[in-house]
Amino acid sequence: MKQLLAESLRSAVASGLLILRFVVPLYILADILLYFDLLRYLGVLFTPFTSLLDLPSEAAVALAGGVLINIYAAIAFAAPLELTPYQWTVLAVFLGVCHSLVVESAIMAKLGISSLYSVLLRTIGACLSVCPVLLMPSSWFGAESRGGVAAAVQPDHFGEMLLGSLGQALLLAVEIIALISAIIVAMDLLKSSRFLQRHLQRVNTSFSIIVGQLLGITYGAGILIREAGRGNLSRENIFFIGTFLMICHSLIEDVLLFVLFGANYWIIIGVRLTAALLISIVLLHLFRRSSLNRIVRP
């Protein structure tokens, strides 16, 4: 147990250093863009898209960062915007489905699932998943749940802004590191449990989905890649599990990062689980009719 905790803490420290190098510079960059009113101009290109999501145009950079890079980039760009709980929930649902497209599509490709299918599924799935949130009453998100970017006190000069931004960025990084460290320790304990180790020897559809939901698509897909290589999973199993996990995975780490800013945890979980189930069942039906058979390599 001591050795496991020591390894978990080493992983947490390594993750913490990565978060510091990643979140702090991007947060400060977002503040600089806000200070010089450049986010508004960058957001013009994405205004139709952010409008559909009921987000301010300044959130376009956060969307792009999340989709192309990862969740940390999205949060670093979105944090200075002072979004409302409703807006954070919308962002969490959309980016929870559609993030890190380059890296995670490559992971699914190793499982035999077409990269084009991964990108289209997660983009369309994110749009469909967020629709119920946009229709929910404001009272579900607390007071002042809908609106644009909150008005912030304008600093007197650039140096003051930069100093304040550095302080806020470090505070955000500390909060994220504390959360991630706790999750890493908990997940390592879970992965080392007798129950999980016993079931890792025999992977089935339900267990693979649960692992992906709790531990993320990288770990869940890693197990599936191993089992697919051993010939223990059919193409239909791979298609269904892969489709489900691309819509709904990492329901602890990713979701709690947005909850730090006021996003509604239960709405995010409920919407993504429901969307994953419905979309997966419909697409599995098409797969069985050979309409999507070529998506998974034999």
Protein backbone atom coordinates (compact mmCIF):
# COMPACT_ATOMS: atom_id res chain seq x y z
CA MET A 1 0.00 0.00 0.00
CA LYS A 2 2.82 2.44 0.90
CA GLN A 3 4.55 1.73 -2.41
CA LEU A 4 1.28 2.30 -4.29
CA LEU A 5 0.69 5.62 -2.52
CA ALA A 6 4.28 6.69 -3.20
CA GLU A 7 3.87 5.91 -6.91
CA SER A 8 0.53 7.73 -6.97
CA LEU A 9 2.08 10.80 -5.36
CA ARG A 10 4.94 10.74 -7.88
CA SER A 11 2.36 10.62 -10.67
CA ALA A 12 0.47 13.46 -9.03
CA VAL A 13 3.64 15.60 -8.81
CA ALA A 14 4.45 14.90 -12.47
CA SER A 15 0.88 15.80 -13.47
CA GLY A 16 1.04 18.91 -11.32
CA LEU A 17 4.18 20.16 -13.06
CA LEU A 18 2.57 19.50 -16.43
CA ILE A 19 -0.56 21.42 -15.38
CA LEU A 20 1.57 24.36 -14.19
CA ARG A 21 3.41 24.52 -17.51
CA PHE A 22 0.17 24.23 -19.43
CA VAL A 23 -2.52 26.14 -17.52
CA VAL A 24 -0.58 29.15 -16.24
CA PRO A 25 0.75 30.41 -19.62
CA LEU A 26 -2.59 29.87 -21.38
CA TYR A 27 -4.52 31.61 -18.58
CA ILE A 28 -2.20 34.62 -18.77
CA LEU A 29 -2.46 34.61 -22.58
CA ALA A 30 -6.26 34.68 -22.31
CA ASP A 31 -6.06 37.64 -19.90
CA ILE A 32 -3.72 39.50 -22.26
CA LEU A 33 -6.12 38.90 -25.16
CA LEU A 34 -8.98 40.18 -22.99
CA TYR A 35 -6.96 43.22 -21.85
CA PHE A 36 -6.30 44.31 -25.43
CA ASP A 37 -9.83 43.30 -26.48
CA LEU A 38 -8.46 40.79 -28.98
CA LEU A 39 -10.66 37.86 -27.95
CA ARG A 40 -13.62 39.70 -29.40
CA TYR A 41 -11.96 39.83 -32.82
CA LEU A 42 -10.78 36.24 -32.67
CA GLY A 43 -14.28 35.21 -31.64
CA VAL A 44 -15.91 36.80 -34.69
CA LEU A 45 -14.98 33.76 -36.79
CA PHE A 46 -16.79 31.47 -34.33
CA THR A 47 -19.68 33.75 -33.39
CA PRO A 48 -22.35 31.65 -35.21
CA PHE A 49 -21.11 28.53 -33.42
CA THR A 50 -20.85 30.11 -29.96
CA SER A 51 -24.28 31.69 -30.49
CA LEU A 52 -25.79 28.27 -31.13
CA LEU A 53 -24.29 27.10 -27.84
CA ASP A 54 -25.56 30.21 -26.04
CA LEU A 55 -21.98 31.21 -25.19
CA PRO A 56 -20.27 34.60 -25.59
CA SER A 57 -18.10 34.96 -28.69
CA GLU A 58 -15.02 35.24 -26.45
CA ALA A 59 -15.52 31.58 -25.51
CA ALA A 60 -14.59 30.56 -29.08
CA VAL A 61 -10.90 30.31 -28.16
CA ALA A 62 -11.77 28.04 -25.21
CA LEU A 63 -13.82 25.82 -27.54
CA ALA A 64 -11.00 25.63 -30.08
CA GLY A 65 -8.45 24.86 -27.35
CA GLY A 66 -10.58 22.08 -25.90
CA VAL A 67 -11.46 20.48 -29.23
CA LEU A 68 -7.95 20.57 -30.68
CA ILE A 69 -5.77 20.31 -27.55
CA ASN A 70 -7.43 19.16 -24.31
CA ILE A 71 -9.71 20.07 -21.42
CA TYR A 72 -6.97 21.98 -19.57
CA ALA A 73 -6.50 24.34 -22.50
CA ALA A 74 -10.25 25.00 -22.63
CA ILE A 75 -10.40 25.78 -18.92
CA ALA A 76 -7.32 28.01 -19.04
CA PHE A 77 -8.92 30.11 -21.79
CA ALA A 78 -12.42 30.07 -20.29
CA ALA A 79 -11.56 30.82 -16.64
CA PRO A 80 -10.83 34.57 -17.13
CA LEU A 81 -14.19 35.03 -18.91
CA GLU A 82 -16.15 34.62 -15.65
CA LEU A 83 -18.83 32.48 -17.28
CA THR A 84 -22.07 31.68 -15.47
CA PRO A 85 -22.85 28.19 -14.06
CA TYR A 86 -25.17 27.61 -17.03
CA GLN A 87 -22.43 28.52 -19.52
CA TRP A 88 -19.90 26.32 -17.72
CA THR A 89 -22.37 23.42 -17.87
CA VAL A 90 -22.91 23.94 -21.62
CA LEU A 91 -19.15 24.06 -22.16
CA ALA A 92 -18.66 20.96 -20.00
CA VAL A 93 -21.21 18.89 -21.90
CA PHE A 94 -19.95 19.93 -25.33
CA LEU A 95 -16.24 19.56 -24.58
CA GLY A 96 -16.81 16.46 -22.48
CA VAL A 97 -17.80 14.74 -25.72
CA CYS A 98 -15.67 16.66 -28.21
CA HIS A 99 -12.14 17.28 -26.91
CA SER A 100 -8.58 16.22 -27.74
CA LEU A 101 -9.80 15.07 -31.16
CA VAL A 102 -6.33 14.62 -32.61
CA VAL A 103 -4.93 12.47 -29.79
CA GLU A 104 -8.02 10.48 -28.88
CA SER A 105 -8.98 9.77 -32.51
CA ALA A 106 -5.50 8.29 -32.92
CA ILE A 107 -6.11 6.10 -29.86
CA MET A 108 -9.41 4.83 -31.28
CA ALA A 109 -7.69 4.18 -34.62
CA LYS A 110 -5.41 1.72 -32.82
CA LEU A 111 -8.58 -0.10 -31.82
CA GLY A 112 -9.54 -0.31 -35.49
CA ILE A 113 -12.13 2.49 -35.50
CA SER A 114 -11.91 4.97 -38.39
CA SER A 115 -10.52 8.39 -37.42
CA LEU A 116 -13.08 10.07 -39.68
CA TYR A 117 -15.87 8.26 -37.84
CA SER A 118 -14.39 9.32 -34.47
CA VAL A 119 -14.24 12.99 -35.45
CA LEU A 120 -17.73 13.06 -36.99
CA LEU A 121 -19.28 11.09 -34.12
CA ARG A 122 -17.82 13.28 -31.42
CA THR A 123 -18.58 16.56 -33.22
CA ILE A 124 -22.19 15.64 -34.04
CA GLY A 125 -22.58 13.84 -30.70
CA ALA A 126 -21.44 16.95 -28.81
CA CYS A 127 -24.00 19.10 -30.65
CA LEU A 128 -26.80 16.62 -29.95
CA SER A 129 -25.79 16.11 -26.30
CA VAL A 130 -25.81 19.82 -25.50
CA CYS A 131 -29.31 20.44 -26.94
CA PRO A 132 -31.22 19.35 -23.78
CA VAL A 133 -29.06 21.67 -21.65
CA LEU A 134 -29.92 24.65 -23.84
CA LEU A 135 -33.62 23.94 -23.28
CA MET A 136 -33.44 23.57 -19.48
CA PRO A 137 -34.97 26.29 -17.28
CA SER A 138 -32.64 28.89 -15.80
CA SER A 139 -33.65 27.96 -12.25
CA TRP A 140 -31.78 24.66 -12.58
CA PHE A 141 -28.46 26.52 -12.71
CA GLY A 142 -28.92 29.09 -9.97
CA ALA A 143 -29.31 32.84 -10.07
CA GLU A 144 -28.05 34.78 -13.08
CA SER A 145 -27.48 31.53 -14.90
CA ARG A 146 -27.67 32.94 -18.41
CA GLY A 147 -25.72 35.85 -19.76
CA GLY A 148 -22.52 36.98 -21.37
CA VAL A 149 -19.10 37.60 -19.96
CA ALA A 150 -19.27 39.13 -16.51
CA ALA A 151 -17.92 42.63 -16.21
CA ALA A 152 -14.51 42.66 -14.57
CA VAL A 153 -12.61 45.54 -12.94
CA GLN A 154 -10.26 46.98 -15.57
CA PRO A 155 -6.68 47.26 -14.22
CA ASP A 156 -4.97 50.66 -14.45
CA HIS A 157 -2.01 49.40 -16.45
CA PHE A 158 -0.62 46.31 -18.17
CA GLY A 159 1.74 45.40 -15.31
CA GLU A 160 -1.11 45.36 -12.80
CA MET A 161 -3.13 43.13 -15.10
CA LEU A 162 -0.19 40.78 -15.63
CA LEU A 163 0.49 40.47 -11.90
CA GLY A 164 -3.16 39.82 -11.11
CA SER A 165 -3.40 37.32 -13.94
CA LEU A 166 -0.36 35.42 -12.66
CA GLY A 167 -1.88 35.21 -9.19
CA GLN A 168 -5.22 33.95 -10.52
CA ALA A 169 -3.49 31.48 -12.84
CA LEU A 170 -1.43 30.03 -9.99
CA LEU A 171 -4.55 29.76 -7.80
CA LEU A 172 -6.39 27.96 -10.57
CA ALA A 173 -3.42 25.64 -11.11
CA VAL A 174 -3.28 24.80 -7.38
CA GLU A 175 -7.01 23.99 -7.35
CA ILE A 176 -6.67 21.75 -10.42
CA ILE A 177 -3.54 20.05 -9.06
CA ALA A 178 -5.26 19.32 -5.73
CA LEU A 179 -8.26 17.83 -7.54
CA ILE A 180 -6.17 15.80 -10.00
CA SER A 181 -3.89 14.51 -7.23
CA ALA A 182 -6.86 13.24 -5.23
CA ILE A 183 -8.30 11.61 -8.35
CA ILE A 184 -4.96 9.98 -9.27
CA VAL A 185 -4.63 8.43 -5.81
CA ALA A 186 -8.24 7.22 -5.85
CA MET A 187 -7.94 5.81 -9.37
CA ASP A 188 -4.67 4.03 -8.57
CA LEU A 189 -6.29 2.43 -5.54
CA LEU A 190 -9.22 1.39 -7.74
CA LYS A 191 -6.97 -0.07 -10.44
CA SER A 192 -5.06 -2.07 -7.84
CA SER A 193 -8.18 -3.49 -6.19
CA ARG A 194 -8.76 -7.22 -6.33
CA PHE A 195 -12.12 -6.69 -8.04
CA LEU A 196 -10.65 -4.72 -10.92
CA GLN A 197 -7.61 -6.94 -11.31
CA ARG A 198 -9.82 -10.02 -11.40
CA HIS A 199 -12.08 -8.54 -14.08
CA LEU A 200 -9.16 -7.24 -16.13
CA GLN A 201 -8.43 -10.84 -16.97
CA ARG A 202 -11.80 -11.16 -18.65
CA VAL A 203 -13.18 -8.06 -20.31
CA ASN A 204 -16.83 -7.82 -21.29
CA THR A 205 -18.86 -5.01 -22.82
CA SER A 206 -20.33 -3.64 -19.58
CA PHE A 207 -17.03 -3.73 -17.72
CA SER A 208 -15.16 -2.02 -20.56
CA ILE A 209 -17.69 0.81 -20.60
CA ILE A 210 -17.50 1.25 -16.81
CA VAL A 211 -13.70 1.39 -16.91
CA GLY A 212 -13.76 3.99 -19.68
CA GLN A 213 -16.32 6.08 -17.83
CA LEU A 214 -14.34 6.10 -14.61
CA LEU A 215 -10.74 6.12 -15.82
CA GLY A 216 -11.01 7.83 -19.20
CA ILE A 217 -10.84 6.87 -22.84
CA THR A 218 -7.07 6.31 -22.86
CA TYR A 219 -7.14 3.63 -20.15
CA GLY A 220 -10.44 2.13 -21.31
CA ALA A 221 -9.28 1.93 -24.92
CA GLY A 222 -5.95 0.53 -23.76
CA ILE A 223 -7.73 -2.46 -22.24
CA LEU A 224 -9.85 -2.89 -25.36
CA ILE A 225 -6.81 -2.74 -27.66
CA ARG A 226 -5.22 -5.54 -25.66
CA GLU A 227 -8.35 -7.69 -25.74
CA ALA A 228 -8.99 -7.01 -29.43
CA GLY A 229 -5.43 -8.11 -30.18
CA ARG A 230 -6.14 -11.37 -28.36
CA GLY A 231 -9.27 -11.88 -30.43
CA ASN A 232 -11.59 -11.67 -27.42
CA LEU A 233 -13.79 -8.92 -28.86
CA SER A 234 -15.93 -9.01 -32.00
CA ARG A 235 -16.10 -6.07 -34.42
CA GLU A 236 -19.61 -5.39 -33.13
CA ASN A 237 -18.32 -5.23 -29.52
CA ILE A 238 -15.53 -2.86 -30.54
CA PHE A 239 -17.93 -0.63 -32.46
CA PHE A 240 -20.50 -0.39 -29.66
CA ILE A 241 -18.01 0.12 -26.81
CA GLY A 242 -15.92 2.58 -28.82
CA THR A 243 -19.01 4.59 -29.82
CA PHE A 244 -20.35 4.69 -26.26
CA LEU A 245 -17.02 5.73 -24.75
CA MET A 246 -16.41 8.49 -27.27
CA ILE A 247 -19.67 10.13 -26.14
CA CYS A 248 -19.37 9.35 -22.45
CA HIS A 249 -16.01 8.81 -20.72
CA SER A 250 -13.93 10.17 -17.83
CA LEU A 251 -16.97 11.13 -15.77
CA ILE A 252 -14.85 11.92 -12.72
CA GLU A 253 -11.76 13.94 -13.68
CA ASP A 254 -13.07 15.92 -16.68
CA VAL A 255 -16.44 16.70 -15.13
CA LEU A 256 -15.10 17.79 -11.74
CA LEU A 257 -12.75 20.27 -13.43
CA PHE A 258 -15.81 22.13 -14.73
CA VAL A 259 -17.69 21.70 -11.45
CA LEU A 260 -14.93 23.79 -9.82
CA PHE A 261 -16.38 26.75 -11.73
CA GLY A 262 -20.03 26.07 -10.94
CA ALA A 263 -21.10 23.61 -13.66
CA ASN A 264 -23.92 21.26 -12.62
CA TYR A 265 -22.44 17.79 -12.11
CA TRP A 266 -25.69 15.82 -12.30
CA ILE A 267 -26.90 17.54 -15.45
CA ILE A 268 -23.58 16.81 -17.17
CA ILE A 269 -23.63 13.14 -16.11
CA GLY A 270 -27.31 12.59 -16.92
CA VAL A 271 -27.14 14.23 -20.34
CA ARG A 272 -23.97 12.45 -21.46
CA LEU A 273 -25.06 9.01 -20.26
CA THR A 274 -28.44 9.37 -21.98
CA ALA A 275 -26.89 10.67 -25.21
CA ALA A 276 -24.27 7.89 -25.24
CA LEU A 277 -26.88 5.19 -24.76
CA LEU A 278 -29.30 6.48 -27.41
CA ILE A 279 -26.65 7.29 -30.02
CA SER A 280 -24.85 3.97 -29.48
CA ILE A 281 -28.04 1.92 -29.85
CA VAL A 282 -29.07 3.71 -33.06
CA LEU A 283 -25.61 3.38 -34.62
CA LEU A 284 -25.29 -0.25 -33.53
CA HIS A 285 -28.55 -0.98 -35.37
CA LEU A 286 -27.07 0.59 -38.51
CA PHE A 287 -23.84 -1.33 -38.01
CA ARG A 288 -25.71 -4.62 -37.87
CA ARG A 289 -27.41 -3.73 -41.14
CA SER A 290 -23.95 -3.28 -42.67
CA SER A 291 -24.44 0.45 -43.20
CA LEU A 292 -21.45 1.22 -40.96
CA ASN A 293 -19.60 -2.08 -41.18
CA ARG A 294 -16.48 -0.63 -42.80
CA ILE A 295 -15.88 1.74 -39.91
CA VAL A 296 -14.18 -0.98 -37.85
CA ARG A 297 -11.24 -2.72 -39.49
CA PRO A 298 -11.42 -6.54 -39.34
